[in-house]
PDB file of N, CA and C in Angstrom:
ATOM      1  N   MET A   1     -24.074   7.090  -9.656  1.00  0.00           N
ATOM      2  CA  MET A   1     -22.729   7.118 -10.170  1.00  0.00           C
ATOM      3  C   MET A   1     -21.946   5.972  -9.555  1.00  0.00           C
ATOM      4  N   ARG A   2     -21.162   5.322 -10.379  1.00  0.00           N
ATOM      5  CA  ARG A   2     -20.299   4.239  -9.909  1.00  0.00           C
ATOM      6  C   ARG A   2     -18.947   4.810  -9.509  1.00  0.00           C
ATOM      7  N   LEU A   3     -18.422   4.287  -8.404  1.00  0.00           N
ATOM      8  CA  LEU A   3     -17.167   4.782  -7.864  1.00  0.00           C
ATOM      9  C   LEU A   3     -16.143   3.660  -7.786  1.00  0.00           C
ATOM     10  N   LYS A   4     -14.881   4.058  -7.816  1.00  0.00           N
ATOM     11  CA  LYS A   4     -13.761   3.133  -7.642  1.00  0.00           C
ATOM     12  C   LYS A   4     -12.845   3.690  -6.557  1.00  0.00           C
ATOM     13  N   LEU A   5     -12.212   2.787  -5.843  1.00  0.00           N
ATOM     14  CA  LEU A   5     -11.176   3.161  -4.887  1.00  0.00           C
ATOM     15  C   LEU A   5      -9.845   2.787  -5.512  1.00  0.00           C
ATOM     16  N   ILE A   6      -8.998   3.765  -5.706  1.00  0.00           N
ATOM     17  CA  ILE A   6      -7.639   3.502  -6.184  1.00  0.00           C
ATOM     18  C   ILE A   6      -6.721   3.549  -4.974  1.00  0.00           C
ATOM     19  N   VAL A   7      -5.945   2.490  -4.811  1.00  0.00           N
ATOM     20  CA  VAL A   7      -4.991   2.377  -3.715  1.00  0.00           C
ATOM     21  C   VAL A   7      -3.597   2.390  -4.329  1.00  0.00           C
ATOM     22  N   ALA A   8      -2.776   3.341  -3.918  1.00  0.00           N
ATOM     23  CA  ALA A   8      -1.401   3.425  -4.404  1.00  0.00           C
ATOM     24  C   ALA A   8      -0.459   3.267  -3.215  1.00  0.00           C
ATOM     25  N   LEU A   9       0.489   2.363  -3.351  1.00  0.00           N
ATOM     26  CA  LEU A   9       1.508   2.141  -2.327  1.00  0.00           C
ATOM     27  C   LEU A   9       2.821   2.661  -2.896  1.00  0.00           C
ATOM     28  N   VAL A  10       3.323   3.753  -2.328  1.00  0.00           N
ATOM     29  CA  VAL A  10       4.477   4.435  -2.917  1.00  0.00           C
ATOM     30  C   VAL A  10       5.487   4.824  -1.845  1.00  0.00           C
ATOM     31  N   GLY A  11       6.728   4.982  -2.270  1.00  0.00           N
ATOM     32  CA  GLY A  11       7.739   5.539  -1.384  1.00  0.00           C
ATOM     33  C   GLY A  11       7.358   6.958  -1.032  1.00  0.00           C
ATOM     34  N   ASP A  12       7.640   7.381   0.191  1.00  0.00           N
ATOM     35  CA  ASP A  12       7.184   8.703   0.615  1.00  0.00           C
ATOM     36  C   ASP A  12       7.749   9.842  -0.230  1.00  0.00           C
ATOM     37  N   GLU A  13       8.860   9.604  -0.906  1.00  0.00           N
ATOM     38  CA  GLU A  13       9.412  10.650  -1.780  1.00  0.00           C
ATOM     39  C   GLU A  13       8.599  10.822  -3.068  1.00  0.00           C
ATOM     40  N   TRP A  14       7.703   9.866  -3.375  1.00  0.00           N
ATOM     41  CA  TRP A  14       6.877   9.924  -4.587  1.00  0.00           C
ATOM     42  C   TRP A  14       5.438  10.360  -4.311  1.00  0.00           C
ATOM     43  N   THR A  15       5.044  10.438  -3.059  1.00  0.00           N
ATOM     44  CA  THR A  15       3.644  10.676  -2.708  1.00  0.00           C
ATOM     45  C   THR A  15       3.089  11.950  -3.341  1.00  0.00           C
ATOM     46  N   ASP A  16       3.763  13.062  -3.174  1.00  0.00           N
ATOM     47  CA  ASP A  16       3.252  14.333  -3.705  1.00  0.00           C
ATOM     48  C   ASP A  16       3.120  14.290  -5.225  1.00  0.00           C
ATOM     49  N   LYS A  17       4.080  13.693  -5.875  1.00  0.00           N
ATOM     50  CA  LYS A  17       4.055  13.591  -7.339  1.00  0.00           C
ATOM     51  C   LYS A  17       2.870  12.737  -7.803  1.00  0.00           C
ATOM     52  N   VAL A  18       2.596  11.634  -7.113  1.00  0.00           N
ATOM     53  CA  VAL A  18       1.487  10.748  -7.464  1.00  0.00           C
ATOM     54  C   VAL A  18       0.147  11.445  -7.232  1.00  0.00           C
ATOM     55  N   VAL A  19       0.016  12.147  -6.108  1.00  0.00           N
ATOM     56  CA  VAL A  19      -1.232  12.864  -5.817  1.00  0.00           C
ATOM     57  C   VAL A  19      -1.469  13.950  -6.859  1.00  0.00           C
ATOM     58  N   GLU A  20      -0.447  14.690  -7.195  1.00  0.00           N
ATOM     59  CA  GLU A  20      -0.569  15.752  -8.205  1.00  0.00           C
ATOM     60  C   GLU A  20      -0.979  15.177  -9.568  1.00  0.00           C
ATOM     61  N   ALA A  21      -0.384  14.063  -9.949  1.00  0.00           N
ATOM     62  CA  ALA A  21      -0.716  13.426 -11.225  1.00  0.00           C
ATOM     63  C   ALA A  21      -2.168  12.966 -11.239  1.00  0.00           C
ATOM     64  N   ALA A  22      -2.631  12.387 -10.145  1.00  0.00           N
ATOM     65  CA  ALA A  22      -4.026  11.935 -10.060  1.00  0.00           C
ATOM     66  C   ALA A  22      -4.981  13.118 -10.145  1.00  0.00           C
ATOM     67  N   ARG A  23      -4.655  14.212  -9.500  1.00  0.00           N
ATOM     68  CA  ARG A  23      -5.501  15.416  -9.559  1.00  0.00           C
ATOM     69  C   ARG A  23      -5.588  15.957 -10.986  1.00  0.00           C
ATOM     70  N   GLU A  24      -4.460  15.920 -11.697  1.00  0.00           N
ATOM     71  CA  GLU A  24      -4.464  16.400 -13.079  1.00  0.00           C
ATOM     72  C   GLU A  24      -5.401  15.580 -13.959  1.00  0.00           C
ATOM     73  N   LYS A  25      -5.604  14.306 -13.608  1.00  0.00           N
ATOM     74  CA  LYS A  25      -6.495  13.431 -14.387  1.00  0.00           C
ATOM     75  C   LYS A  25      -7.918  13.408 -13.836  1.00  0.00           C
ATOM     76  N   GLY A  26      -8.190  14.198 -12.779  1.00  0.00           N
ATOM     77  CA  GLY A  26      -9.562  14.323 -12.309  1.00  0.00           C
ATOM     78  C   GLY A  26      -9.869  13.865 -10.908  1.00  0.00           C
ATOM     79  N   ALA A  27      -8.904  13.332 -10.182  1.00  0.00           N
ATOM     80  CA  ALA A  27      -9.159  12.959  -8.790  1.00  0.00           C
ATOM     81  C   ALA A  27      -9.458  14.223  -7.990  1.00  0.00           C
ATOM     82  N   THR A  28     -10.458  14.157  -7.136  1.00  0.00           N
ATOM     83  CA  THR A  28     -10.877  15.346  -6.387  1.00  0.00           C
ATOM     84  C   THR A  28     -10.271  15.411  -4.993  1.00  0.00           C
ATOM     85  N   GLY A  29      -9.523  14.424  -4.605  1.00  0.00           N
ATOM     86  CA  GLY A  29      -8.898  14.425  -3.287  1.00  0.00           C
ATOM     87  C   GLY A  29      -8.177  13.118  -3.054  1.00  0.00           C
ATOM     88  N   ALA A  30      -7.502  13.037  -1.921  1.00  0.00           N
ATOM     89  CA  ALA A  30      -6.759  11.834  -1.562  1.00  0.00           C
ATOM     90  C   ALA A  30      -6.656  11.741  -0.051  1.00  0.00           C
ATOM     91  N   THR A  31      -6.548  10.530   0.428  1.00  0.00           N
ATOM     92  CA  THR A  31      -6.242  10.273   1.834  1.00  0.00           C
ATOM     93  C   THR A  31      -4.887   9.584   1.850  1.00  0.00           C
ATOM     94  N   ILE A  32      -3.990  10.103   2.677  1.00  0.00           N
ATOM     95  CA  ILE A  32      -2.627   9.579   2.722  1.00  0.00           C
ATOM     96  C   ILE A  32      -2.362   9.000   4.101  1.00  0.00           C
ATOM     97  N   ILE A  33      -1.980   7.744   4.119  1.00  0.00           N
ATOM     98  CA  ILE A  33      -1.592   7.064   5.348  1.00  0.00           C
ATOM     99  C   ILE A  33      -0.077   6.937   5.288  1.00  0.00           C
ATOM    100  N   THR A  34       0.603   7.593   6.205  1.00  0.00           N
ATOM    101  CA  THR A  34       2.065   7.691   6.126  1.00  0.00           C
ATOM    102  C   THR A  34       2.771   6.615   6.935  1.00  0.00           C
ATOM    103  N   SER A  35       4.020   6.438   6.590  1.00  0.00           N
ATOM    104  CA  SER A  35       4.955   5.594   7.332  1.00  0.00           C
ATOM    105  C   SER A  35       4.495   4.154   7.509  1.00  0.00           C
ATOM    106  N   VAL A  36       4.097   3.541   6.410  1.00  0.00           N
ATOM    107  CA  VAL A  36       3.769   2.117   6.459  1.00  0.00           C
ATOM    108  C   VAL A  36       5.005   1.335   6.034  1.00  0.00           C
ATOM    109  N   ARG A  37       5.003   0.064   6.302  1.00  0.00           N
ATOM    110  CA  ARG A  37       6.133  -0.764   5.941  1.00  0.00           C
ATOM    111  C   ARG A  37       5.656  -1.876   5.031  1.00  0.00           C
ATOM    112  N   GLY A  38       6.421  -2.175   4.015  1.00  0.00           N
ATOM    113  CA  GLY A  38       6.063  -3.247   3.110  1.00  0.00           C
ATOM    114  C   GLY A  38       7.294  -4.053   2.744  1.00  0.00           C
ATOM    115  N   GLU A  39       7.024  -5.189   2.139  1.00  0.00           N
ATOM    116  CA  GLU A  39       8.130  -6.033   1.730  1.00  0.00           C
ATOM    117  C   GLU A  39       7.796  -6.651   0.391  1.00  0.00           C
ATOM    118  N   GLY A  40       8.691  -6.544  -0.546  1.00  0.00           N
ATOM    119  CA  GLY A  40       8.490  -7.101  -1.875  1.00  0.00           C
ATOM    120  C   GLY A  40       9.026  -8.514  -1.983  1.00  0.00           C
ATOM    121  N   LEU A  41       9.389  -8.871  -3.199  1.00  0.00           N
ATOM    122  CA  LEU A  41       9.915 -10.203  -3.469  1.00  0.00           C
ATOM    123  C   LEU A  41      11.138 -10.536  -2.623  1.00  0.00           C
ATOM    124  N   LYS A  42      12.033  -9.586  -2.526  1.00  0.00           N
ATOM    125  CA  LYS A  42      13.254  -9.793  -1.749  1.00  0.00           C
ATOM    126  C   LYS A  42      13.179  -8.938  -0.488  1.00  0.00           C
ATOM    127  N   PRO A  43      13.259  -9.557   0.686  1.00  0.00           N
ATOM    128  CA  PRO A  43      13.221  -8.779   1.933  1.00  0.00           C
ATOM    129  C   PRO A  43      14.346  -7.749   1.976  1.00  0.00           C
ATOM    130  N   GLN A  44      14.036  -6.580   2.528  1.00  0.00           N
ATOM    131  CA  GLN A  44      15.024  -5.519   2.656  1.00  0.00           C
ATOM    132  C   GLN A  44      16.053  -5.895   3.722  1.00  0.00           C
ATOM    133  N   LYS A  45      17.247  -5.418   3.559  1.00  0.00           N
ATOM    134  CA  LYS A  45      18.313  -5.709   4.509  1.00  0.00           C
ATOM    135  C   LYS A  45      18.184  -4.795   5.731  1.00  0.00           C
ATOM    136  N   THR A  46      18.683  -5.284   6.823  1.00  0.00           N
ATOM    137  CA  THR A  46      18.723  -4.476   8.037  1.00  0.00           C
ATOM    138  C   THR A  46      20.172  -4.362   8.502  1.00  0.00           C
ATOM    139  N   PHE A  47      20.428  -3.375   9.319  1.00  0.00           N
ATOM    140  CA  PHE A  47      21.758  -3.172   9.887  1.00  0.00           C
ATOM    141  C   PHE A  47      21.580  -3.037  11.393  1.00  0.00           C
ATOM    142  N   LEU A  48      22.072  -4.008  12.129  1.00  0.00           N
ATOM    143  CA  LEU A  48      21.929  -4.030  13.588  1.00  0.00           C
ATOM    144  C   LEU A  48      20.475  -3.872  14.026  1.00  0.00           C
ATOM    145  N   GLY A  49      19.577  -4.521  13.270  1.00  0.00           N
ATOM    146  CA  GLY A  49      18.159  -4.481  13.619  1.00  0.00           C
ATOM    147  C   GLY A  49      17.406  -3.271  13.092  1.00  0.00           C
ATOM    148  N   LEU A  50      18.109  -2.339  12.466  1.00  0.00           N
ATOM    149  CA  LEU A  50      17.458  -1.142  11.914  1.00  0.00           C
ATOM    150  C   LEU A  50      17.076  -1.402  10.470  1.00  0.00           C
ATOM    151  N   ASP A  51      15.884  -1.026  10.103  1.00  0.00           N
ATOM    152  CA  ASP A  51      15.391  -1.211   8.743  1.00  0.00           C
ATOM    153  C   ASP A  51      16.037  -0.176   7.833  1.00  0.00           C
ATOM    154  N   LEU A  52      16.644  -0.621   6.737  1.00  0.00           N
ATOM    155  CA  LEU A  52      17.294   0.291   5.803  1.00  0.00           C
ATOM    156  C   LEU A  52      16.359   0.770   4.700  1.00  0.00           C
ATOM    157  N   ALA A  53      15.185   0.182   4.599  1.00  0.00           N
ATOM    158  CA  ALA A  53      14.240   0.567   3.553  1.00  0.00           C
ATOM    159  C   ALA A  53      13.587   1.892   3.910  1.00  0.00           C
ATOM    160  N   GLY A  54      13.307   2.704   2.877  1.00  0.00           N
ATOM    161  CA  GLY A  54      12.613   3.959   3.092  1.00  0.00           C
ATOM    162  C   GLY A  54      11.159   3.728   3.468  1.00  0.00           C
ATOM    163  N   GLN A  55      10.559   4.724   4.069  1.00  0.00           N
ATOM    164  CA  GLN A  55       9.155   4.623   4.444  1.00  0.00           C
ATOM    165  C   GLN A  55       8.282   4.689   3.204  1.00  0.00           C
ATOM    166  N   ARG A  56       7.115   4.073   3.308  1.00  0.00           N
ATOM    167  CA  ARG A  56       6.146   4.062   2.221  1.00  0.00           C
ATOM    168  C   ARG A  56       4.873   4.722   2.706  1.00  0.00           C
ATOM    169  N   ASP A  57       4.078   5.171   1.759  1.00  0.00           N
ATOM    170  CA  ASP A  57       2.776   5.754   2.057  1.00  0.00           C
ATOM    171  C   ASP A  57       1.708   4.978   1.305  1.00  0.00           C
ATOM    172  N   VAL A  58       0.515   4.933   1.880  1.00  0.00           N
ATOM    173  CA  VAL A  58      -0.661   4.410   1.204  1.00  0.00           C
ATOM    174  C   VAL A  58      -1.498   5.627   0.829  1.00  0.00           C
ATOM    175  N   VAL A  59      -1.787   5.770  -0.456  1.00  0.00           N
ATOM    176  CA  VAL A  59      -2.583   6.898  -0.933  1.00  0.00           C
ATOM    177  C   VAL A  59      -3.891   6.349  -1.483  1.00  0.00           C
ATOM    178  N   LEU A  60      -5.014   6.847  -0.961  1.00  0.00           N
ATOM    179  CA  LEU A  60      -6.344   6.376  -1.342  1.00  0.00           C
ATOM    180  C   LEU A  60      -7.079   7.467  -2.111  1.00  0.00           C
ATOM    181  N   PHE A  61      -7.654   7.089  -3.237  1.00  0.00           N
ATOM    182  CA  PHE A  61      -8.444   8.011  -4.051  1.00  0.00           C
ATOM    183  C   PHE A  61      -9.810   7.383  -4.308  1.00  0.00           C
ATOM    184  N   ILE A  62     -10.892   8.117  -4.077  1.00  0.00           N
ATOM    185  CA  ILE A  62     -12.219   7.677  -4.501  1.00  0.00           C
ATOM    186  C   ILE A  62     -12.537   8.484  -5.750  1.00  0.00           C
ATOM    187  N   VAL A  63     -12.753   7.776  -6.855  1.00  0.00           N
ATOM    188  CA  VAL A  63     -12.931   8.442  -8.146  1.00  0.00           C
ATOM    189  C   VAL A  63     -14.126   7.857  -8.886  1.00  0.00           C
ATOM    190  N   ALA A  64     -14.621   8.597  -9.866  1.00  0.00           N
ATOM    191  CA  ALA A  64     -15.679   8.090 -10.735  1.00  0.00           C
ATOM    192  C   ALA A  64     -15.121   6.956 -11.583  1.00  0.00           C
ATOM    193  N   GLU A  65     -15.914   5.920 -11.747  1.00  0.00           N
ATOM    194  CA  GLU A  65     -15.475   4.740 -12.501  1.00  0.00           C
ATOM    195  C   GLU A  65     -14.990   5.111 -13.898  1.00  0.00           C
ATOM    196  N   GLU A  66     -15.639   6.059 -14.532  1.00  0.00           N
ATOM    197  CA  GLU A  66     -15.296   6.450 -15.900  1.00  0.00           C
ATOM    198  C   GLU A  66     -13.886   7.029 -16.011  1.00  0.00           C
ATOM    199  N   MET A  67     -13.370   7.556 -14.911  1.00  0.00           N
ATOM    200  CA  MET A  67     -12.051   8.193 -14.928  1.00  0.00           C
ATOM    201  C   MET A  67     -10.967   7.312 -14.314  1.00  0.00           C
ATOM    202  N   SER A  68     -11.349   6.202 -13.709  1.00  0.00           N
ATOM    203  CA  SER A  68     -10.413   5.442 -12.878  1.00  0.00           C
ATOM    204  C   SER A  68      -9.210   4.897 -13.648  1.00  0.00           C
ATOM    205  N   ARG A  69      -9.426   4.371 -14.834  1.00  0.00           N
ATOM    206  CA  ARG A  69      -8.304   3.788 -15.583  1.00  0.00           C
ATOM    207  C   ARG A  69      -7.275   4.847 -15.970  1.00  0.00           C
ATOM    208  N   ASP A  70      -7.752   6.022 -16.423  1.00  0.00           N
ATOM    209  CA  ASP A  70      -6.826   7.108 -16.776  1.00  0.00           C
ATOM    210  C   ASP A  70      -6.025   7.561 -15.565  1.00  0.00           C
ATOM    211  N   ILE A  71      -6.695   7.667 -14.424  1.00  0.00           N
ATOM    212  CA  ILE A  71      -6.015   8.083 -13.199  1.00  0.00           C
ATOM    213  C   ILE A  71      -4.998   7.027 -12.778  1.00  0.00           C
ATOM    214  N   LEU A  72      -5.383   5.773 -12.833  1.00  0.00           N
ATOM    215  CA  LEU A  72      -4.483   4.676 -12.461  1.00  0.00           C
ATOM    216  C   LEU A  72      -3.230   4.676 -13.339  1.00  0.00           C
ATOM    217  N   GLU A  73      -3.403   4.834 -14.619  1.00  0.00           N
ATOM    218  CA  GLU A  73      -2.257   4.857 -15.534  1.00  0.00           C
ATOM    219  C   GLU A  73      -1.363   6.069 -15.289  1.00  0.00           C
ATOM    220  N   GLU A  74      -1.964   7.210 -14.971  1.00  0.00           N
ATOM    221  CA  GLU A  74      -1.172   8.416 -14.701  1.00  0.00           C
ATOM    222  C   GLU A  74      -0.383   8.273 -13.398  1.00  0.00           C
ATOM    223  N   ILE A  75      -0.983   7.629 -12.405  1.00  0.00           N
ATOM    224  CA  ILE A  75      -0.280   7.359 -11.154  1.00  0.00           C
ATOM    225  C   ILE A  75       0.941   6.478 -11.430  1.00  0.00           C
ATOM    226  N   ALA A  76       0.759   5.432 -12.222  1.00  0.00           N
ATOM    227  CA  ALA A  76       1.867   4.532 -12.559  1.00  0.00           C
ATOM    228  C   ALA A  76       2.977   5.274 -13.298  1.00  0.00           C
ATOM    229  N   ARG A  77       2.596   6.155 -14.230  1.00  0.00           N
ATOM    230  CA  ARG A  77       3.593   6.920 -14.976  1.00  0.00           C
ATOM    231  C   ARG A  77       4.347   7.873 -14.053  1.00  0.00           C
ATOM    232  N   ALA A  78       3.611   8.635 -13.248  1.00  0.00           N
ATOM    233  CA  ALA A  78       4.230   9.623 -12.366  1.00  0.00           C
ATOM    234  C   ALA A  78       5.120   8.960 -11.313  1.00  0.00           C
ATOM    235  N   GLY A  79       4.703   7.801 -10.828  1.00  0.00           N
ATOM    236  CA  GLY A  79       5.481   7.100  -9.810  1.00  0.00           C
ATOM    237  C   GLY A  79       6.563   6.204 -10.359  1.00  0.00           C
ATOM    238  N   GLU A  80       6.657   6.150 -11.700  1.00  0.00           N
ATOM    239  CA  GLU A  80       7.653   5.327 -12.385  1.00  0.00           C
ATOM    240  C   GLU A  80       7.581   3.862 -11.951  1.00  0.00           C
ATOM    241  N   PHE A  81       6.351   3.351 -11.788  1.00  0.00           N
ATOM    242  CA  PHE A  81       6.145   1.984 -11.318  1.00  0.00           C
ATOM    243  C   PHE A  81       6.711   0.942 -12.274  1.00  0.00           C
ATOM    244  N   ASP A  82       6.650   1.219 -13.569  1.00  0.00           N
ATOM    245  CA  ASP A  82       7.099   0.226 -14.549  1.00  0.00           C
ATOM    246  C   ASP A  82       8.573   0.339 -14.911  1.00  0.00           C
ATOM    247  N   THR A  83       9.232   1.385 -14.442  1.00  0.00           N
ATOM    248  CA  THR A  83      10.634   1.571 -14.816  1.00  0.00           C
ATOM    249  C   THR A  83      11.598   1.479 -13.633  1.00  0.00           C
ATOM    250  N   GLN A  84      11.115   1.704 -12.422  1.00  0.00           N
ATOM    251  CA  GLN A  84      11.969   1.670 -11.244  1.00  0.00           C
ATOM    252  C   GLN A  84      11.569   0.504 -10.337  1.00  0.00           C
ATOM    253  N   PRO A  85      12.421  -0.489 -10.172  1.00  0.00           N
ATOM    254  CA  PRO A  85      12.090  -1.620  -9.298  1.00  0.00           C
ATOM    255  C   PRO A  85      11.745  -1.146  -7.879  1.00  0.00           C
ATOM    256  N   GLY A  86      10.640  -1.627  -7.349  1.00  0.00           N
ATOM    257  CA  GLY A  86      10.229  -1.278  -5.994  1.00  0.00           C
ATOM    258  C   GLY A  86       9.633   0.104  -5.840  1.00  0.00           C
ATOM    259  N   ALA A  87       9.374   0.798  -6.960  1.00  0.00           N
ATOM    260  CA  ALA A  87       8.848   2.170  -6.876  1.00  0.00           C
ATOM    261  C   ALA A  87       7.455   2.218  -6.276  1.00  0.00           C
ATOM    262  N   GLY A  88       6.641   1.233  -6.565  1.00  0.00           N
ATOM    263  CA  GLY A  88       5.298   1.234  -6.006  1.00  0.00           C
ATOM    264  C   GLY A  88       4.363   0.355  -6.798  1.00  0.00           C
ATOM    265  N   VAL A  89       3.154   0.296  -6.320  1.00  0.00           N
ATOM    266  CA  VAL A  89       2.104  -0.472  -6.973  1.00  0.00           C
ATOM    267  C   VAL A  89       0.788   0.264  -6.722  1.00  0.00           C
ATOM    268  N   ALA A  90      -0.126   0.152  -7.668  1.00  0.00           N
ATOM    269  CA  ALA A  90      -1.449   0.746  -7.494  1.00  0.00           C
ATOM    270  C   ALA A  90      -2.484  -0.199  -8.075  1.00  0.00           C
ATOM    271  N   PHE A  91      -3.663  -0.194  -7.492  1.00  0.00           N
ATOM    272  CA  PHE A  91      -4.759  -1.027  -7.979  1.00  0.00           C
ATOM    273  C   PHE A  91      -6.074  -0.350  -7.666  1.00  0.00           C
ATOM    274  N   GLU A  92      -7.128  -0.817  -8.310  1.00  0.00           N
ATOM    275  CA  GLU A  92      -8.446  -0.225  -8.059  1.00  0.00           C
ATOM    276  C   GLU A  92      -9.436  -1.295  -7.613  1.00  0.00           C
ATOM    277  N   LEU A  93     -10.390  -0.869  -6.795  1.00  0.00           N
ATOM    278  CA  LEU A  93     -11.434  -1.728  -6.268  1.00  0.00           C
ATOM    279  C   LEU A  93     -12.783  -1.052  -6.505  1.00  0.00           C
ATOM    280  N   SER A  94     -13.799  -1.840  -6.754  1.00  0.00           N
ATOM    281  CA  SER A  94     -15.148  -1.295  -6.909  1.00  0.00           C
ATOM    282  C   SER A  94     -15.705  -0.920  -5.540  1.00  0.00           C
ATOM    283  N   ILE A  95     -16.458   0.152  -5.514  1.00  0.00           N
ATOM    284  CA  ILE A  95     -17.132   0.596  -4.294  1.00  0.00           C
ATOM    285  C   ILE A  95     -18.618   0.359  -4.481  1.00  0.00           C
ATOM    286  N   ASP A  96     -19.215  -0.365  -3.560  1.00  0.00           N
ATOM    287  CA  ASP A  96     -20.648  -0.639  -3.644  1.00  0.00           C
ATOM    288  C   ASP A  96     -21.476   0.558  -3.203  1.00  0.00           C
ATOM    289  N   ASP A  97     -20.997   1.281  -2.201  1.00  0.00           N
ATOM    290  CA  ASP A  97     -21.750   2.416  -1.680  1.00  0.00           C
ATOM    291  C   ASP A  97     -20.789   3.326  -0.930  1.00  0.00           C
ATOM    292  N   ALA A  98     -21.107   4.601  -0.843  1.00  0.00           N
ATOM    293  CA  ALA A  98     -20.262   5.546  -0.117  1.00  0.00           C
ATOM    294  C   ALA A  98     -21.129   6.672   0.431  1.00  0.00           C
ATOM    295  N   VAL A  99     -20.734   7.204   1.560  1.00  0.00           N
ATOM    296  CA  VAL A  99     -21.392   8.364   2.155  1.00  0.00           C
ATOM    297  C   VAL A  99     -20.325   9.402   2.461  1.00  0.00           C
ATOM    298  N   GLY A 100     -20.753  10.632   2.694  1.00  0.00           N
ATOM    299  CA  GLY A 100     -19.819  11.687   3.063  1.00  0.00           C
ATOM    300  C   GLY A 100     -19.133  12.357   1.897  1.00  0.00           C
ATOM    301  N   MET A 101     -19.672  12.195   0.699  1.00  0.00           N
ATOM    302  CA  MET A 101     -19.037  12.780  -0.478  1.00  0.00           C
ATOM    303  C   MET A 101     -19.855  13.930  -1.062  1.00  0.00           C
ATOM    304  N   LYS A 102     -20.739  14.495  -0.266  1.00  0.00           N
ATOM    305  CA  LYS A 102     -21.650  15.522  -0.747  1.00  0.00           C
ATOM    306  C   LYS A 102     -20.919  16.717  -1.381  1.00  0.00           C
ATOM    307  N   THR A 103     -19.806  17.125  -0.818  1.00  0.00           N
ATOM    308  CA  THR A 103     -19.096  18.278  -1.363  1.00  0.00           C
ATOM    309  C   THR A 103     -18.350  17.962  -2.648  1.00  0.00           C
ATOM    310  N   GLN A 104     -17.948  16.697  -2.838  1.00  0.00           N
ATOM    311  CA  GLN A 104     -17.196  16.317  -4.034  1.00  0.00           C
ATOM    312  C   GLN A 104     -18.098  15.883  -5.178  1.00  0.00           C
ATOM    313  N   LEU A 105     -19.307  15.472  -4.863  1.00  0.00           N
ATOM    314  CA  LEU A 105     -20.205  14.921  -5.869  1.00  0.00           C
ATOM    315  C   LEU A 105     -20.467  15.862  -7.044  1.00  0.00           C
ATOM    316  N   PRO A 106     -20.767  17.152  -6.830  1.00  0.00           N
ATOM    317  CA  PRO A 106     -20.992  18.033  -7.989  1.00  0.00           C
ATOM    318  C   PRO A 106     -19.786  18.109  -8.932  1.00  0.00           C
ATOM    319  N   THR A 107     -18.592  18.134  -8.368  1.00  0.00           N
ATOM    320  CA  THR A 107     -17.384  18.189  -9.193  1.00  0.00           C
ATOM    321  C   THR A 107     -17.208  16.906  -9.968  1.00  0.00           C
ATOM    322  N   LEU A 108     -17.419  15.766  -9.314  1.00  0.00           N
ATOM    323  CA  LEU A 108     -17.313  14.472 -10.007  1.00  0.00           C
ATOM    324  C   LEU A 108     -18.330  14.372 -11.149  1.00  0.00           C
ATOM    325  N   LEU A 109     -19.550  14.779 -10.880  1.00  0.00           N
ATOM    326  CA  LEU A 109     -20.595  14.723 -11.911  1.00  0.00           C
ATOM    327  C   LEU A 109     -20.241  15.629 -13.100  1.00  0.00           C
ATOM    328  N   GLU A 110     -19.716  16.792 -12.807  1.00  0.00           N
ATOM    329  CA  GLU A 110     -19.330  17.737 -13.870  1.00  0.00           C
ATOM    330  C   GLU A 110     -18.208  17.153 -14.727  1.00  0.00           C
ATOM    331  N   GLU A 111     -17.249  16.502 -14.089  1.00  0.00           N
ATOM    332  CA  GLU A 111     -16.100  15.958 -14.813  1.00  0.00           C
ATOM    333  C   GLU A 111     -16.477  14.787 -15.725  1.00  0.00           C
ATOM    334  N   ILE A 112     -17.490  14.022 -15.340  1.00  0.00           N
ATOM    335  CA  ILE A 112     -17.860  12.865 -16.168  1.00  0.00           C
ATOM    336  C   ILE A 112     -19.080  13.127 -17.038  1.00  0.00           C
ATOM    337  N   GLU A 113     -19.560  14.334 -17.021  1.00  0.00           N
ATOM    338  CA  GLU A 113     -20.773  14.707 -17.753  1.00  0.00           C
ATOM    339  C   GLU A 113     -20.741  14.268 -19.210  1.00  0.00           C
ATOM    340  N   ASP A 114     -19.636  14.418 -19.872  1.00  0.00           N
ATOM    341  CA  ASP A 114     -19.551  14.070 -21.292  1.00  0.00           C
ATOM    342  C   ASP A 114     -19.523  12.570 -21.561  1.00  0.00           C
ATOM    343  N   THR A 115     -19.132  11.790 -20.542  1.00  0.00           N
ATOM    344  CA  THR A 115     -19.036  10.352 -20.753  1.00  0.00           C
ATOM    345  C   THR A 115     -20.299   9.597 -20.387  1.00  0.00           C
ATOM    346  N   VAL A 116     -21.200  10.243 -19.660  1.00  0.00           N
ATOM    347  CA  VAL A 116     -22.430   9.566 -19.222  1.00  0.00           C
ATOM    348  C   VAL A 116     -23.492   9.665 -20.286  1.00  0.00           C
TER     349      VAL A 116
END
């Protein structure tokens, strides 16, 4: 089975919504790295050295390649990436090999059974 890594960078207020949307499209889990800092086109303003920008999270999903595009699009919709400036960004990367997915593998295989 071919796998993809979907990486979503979102404001922490959107994390739960993005994870829920990905699960609805077939993601079997997520890893969330909290309180990261990012900077877009225009640097965020500070006040007396304090950062005024909200915290961001990195959300990682390992998914079956056959489902990755649908999940990616649902993440973008749920996170309002195309309608809210600075809401977030998501992208996918190919995975050459992975270990430690023994418990998720049967579910992934079942979900893509019709497409294989």
